Structures are given as structure tokens and as C-alpha cells.
C-alpha atoms as a PDB file:
ATOM      1  CA  MET A   1       1.753  -4.985  -9.288  1.00  0.00           C
ATOM      2  CA  ALA A   2       0.339  -1.426  -9.417  1.00  0.00           C
ATOM      3  CA  ARG A   3      -2.568  -2.388  -7.261  1.00  0.00           C
ATOM      4  CA  GLY A   4      -0.300  -3.845  -4.705  1.00  0.00           C
ATOM      5  CA  LEU A   5       1.768  -0.644  -4.592  1.00  0.00           C
ATOM      6  CA  ALA A   6      -1.444   1.403  -4.290  1.00  0.00           C
ATOM      7  CA  MET A   7      -2.624  -0.723  -1.378  1.00  0.00           C
ATOM      8  CA  GLU A   8       0.720  -0.278   0.345  1.00  0.00           C
ATOM      9  CA  ALA A   9       0.517   3.492  -0.181  1.00  0.00           C
ATOM     10  CA  ARG A  10      -3.037   3.620   1.263  1.00  0.00           C
ATOM     11  CA  ALA A  11      -1.957   1.657   4.317  1.00  0.00           C
ATOM     12  CA  LYS A  12       0.934   4.086   4.883  1.00  0.00           C
ATOM     13  CA  ILE A  13      -1.439   7.062   4.492  1.00  0.00           C
ATOM     14  CA  GLN A  14      -3.809   5.565   7.030  1.00  0.00           C
ATOM     15  CA  GLN A  15      -0.887   5.217   9.427  1.00  0.00           C
ATOM     16  CA  GLY A  16      -0.145   8.931   9.019  1.00  0.00           C
ATOM     17  CA  ALA A  17       2.806   8.701   6.626  1.00  0.00           C
ATOM     18  CA  ASP A  18       3.284  11.325   3.890  1.00  0.00           C
ATOM     19  CA  VAL A  19       3.763   9.099   0.829  1.00  0.00           C
ATOM     20  CA  SER A  20       4.309  12.070  -1.488  1.00  0.00           C
ATOM     21  CA  ARG A  21       7.129  13.388   0.689  1.00  0.00           C
ATOM     22  CA  GLU A  22       8.749   9.944   0.844  1.00  0.00           C
ATOM     23  CA  THR A  23       8.635   9.628  -2.947  1.00  0.00           C
ATOM     24  CA  GLN A  24      10.146  13.117  -3.351  1.00  0.00           C
ATOM     25  CA  LYS A  25      12.912  12.234  -0.884  1.00  0.00           C
ATOM     26  CA  THR A  26      13.705   9.065  -2.732  1.00  0.00           C
ATOM     27  CA  ARG A  27      14.013  10.891  -6.047  1.00  0.00           C
ATOM     28  CA  ILE A  28      16.313  13.480  -4.515  1.00  0.00           C
ATOM     29  CA  GLU A  29      18.515  10.749  -3.031  1.00  0.00           C
ATOM     30  CA  ARG A  30      18.690   8.911  -6.380  1.00  0.00           C
ATOM     31  CA  ALA A  31      19.622  12.159  -8.186  1.00  0.00           C
ATOM     32  CA  ALA A  32      22.320  12.910  -5.636  1.00  0.00           C
ATOM     33  CA  ALA A  33      23.805   9.405  -6.117  1.00  0.00           C
ATOM     34  CA  LYS A  34      24.328   9.978  -9.849  1.00  0.00           C
ATOM     35  CA  PRO A  35      27.772  11.289 -10.805  1.00  0.00           C
ATOM     36  CA  PHE A  36      27.808  14.785 -12.402  1.00  0.00           C
ATOM     37  CA  ARG A  37      28.904  13.436 -15.777  1.00  0.00           C
ATOM     38  CA  GLU A  38      25.824  11.233 -15.971  1.00  0.00           C
ATOM     39  CA  LEU A  39      23.456  14.127 -14.956  1.00  0.00           C
ATOM     40  CA  ALA A  40      25.107  16.452 -17.498  1.00  0.00           C
ATOM     41  CA  ALA A  41      24.743  13.888 -20.269  1.00  0.00           C
ATOM     42  CA  ASP A  42      21.115  13.367 -19.398  1.00  0.00           C
ATOM     43  CA  TYR A  43      20.483  17.041 -19.451  1.00  0.00           C
ATOM     44  CA  MET A  44      22.146  17.506 -22.807  1.00  0.00           C
ATOM     45  CA  LEU A  45      20.188  14.648 -24.391  1.00  0.00           C
ATOM     46  CA  LYS A  46      16.888  16.115 -23.175  1.00  0.00           C
ATOM     47  CA  THR A  47      17.613  19.824 -23.752  1.00  0.00           C
ATOM     48  CA  PHE A  48      19.856  20.246 -26.772  1.00  0.00           C
ATOM     49  CA  PRO A  49      17.418  18.798 -29.338  1.00  0.00           C
ATOM     50  CA  ARG A  50      14.900  21.573 -28.406  1.00  0.00           C
ATOM     51  CA  LEU A  51      17.381  24.442 -28.837  1.00  0.00           C
ATOM     52  CA  SER A  52      17.356  26.398 -32.067  1.00  0.00           C
ATOM     53  CA  GLU A  53      20.404  26.553 -34.337  1.00  0.00           C
ATOM     54  CA  SER A  54      21.139  30.135 -33.422  1.00  0.00           C
ATOM     55  CA  THR A  55      21.503  29.212 -29.741  1.00  0.00           C
ATOM     56  CA  GLY A  56      24.577  27.040 -30.274  1.00  0.00           C
END
């Protein structure tokens, strides 16, 4: 599957497309589609365990 995706990406690059920019745009669109509550919960799950006790 990964090889197929790589072949598709190479073909797009040869046609002049900016694959990196397309990927970034897709990520931004996905993030915008998530509701704030989901984004906040995700942030808390990733960030709070790394905070020290005195921070809270």
C-alpha cells in the first residue's frame, strides 16, 4: 500500500504538483472540521501528563 502511495506521489510531483503543500492543506482542513471540544480534549490528553504538579 505504501509503495502505491509513493508511486502516486511521484507521479504528481512529475506533473508539477506540490505534494507537501497538498498534505498540509488536508491536515488543516481535517483539524478545522473537528469540533472545539474534541480538539481541547486531545490537547489535554497530550499536554497535561507532561505538566508538573506545581503547574496545576
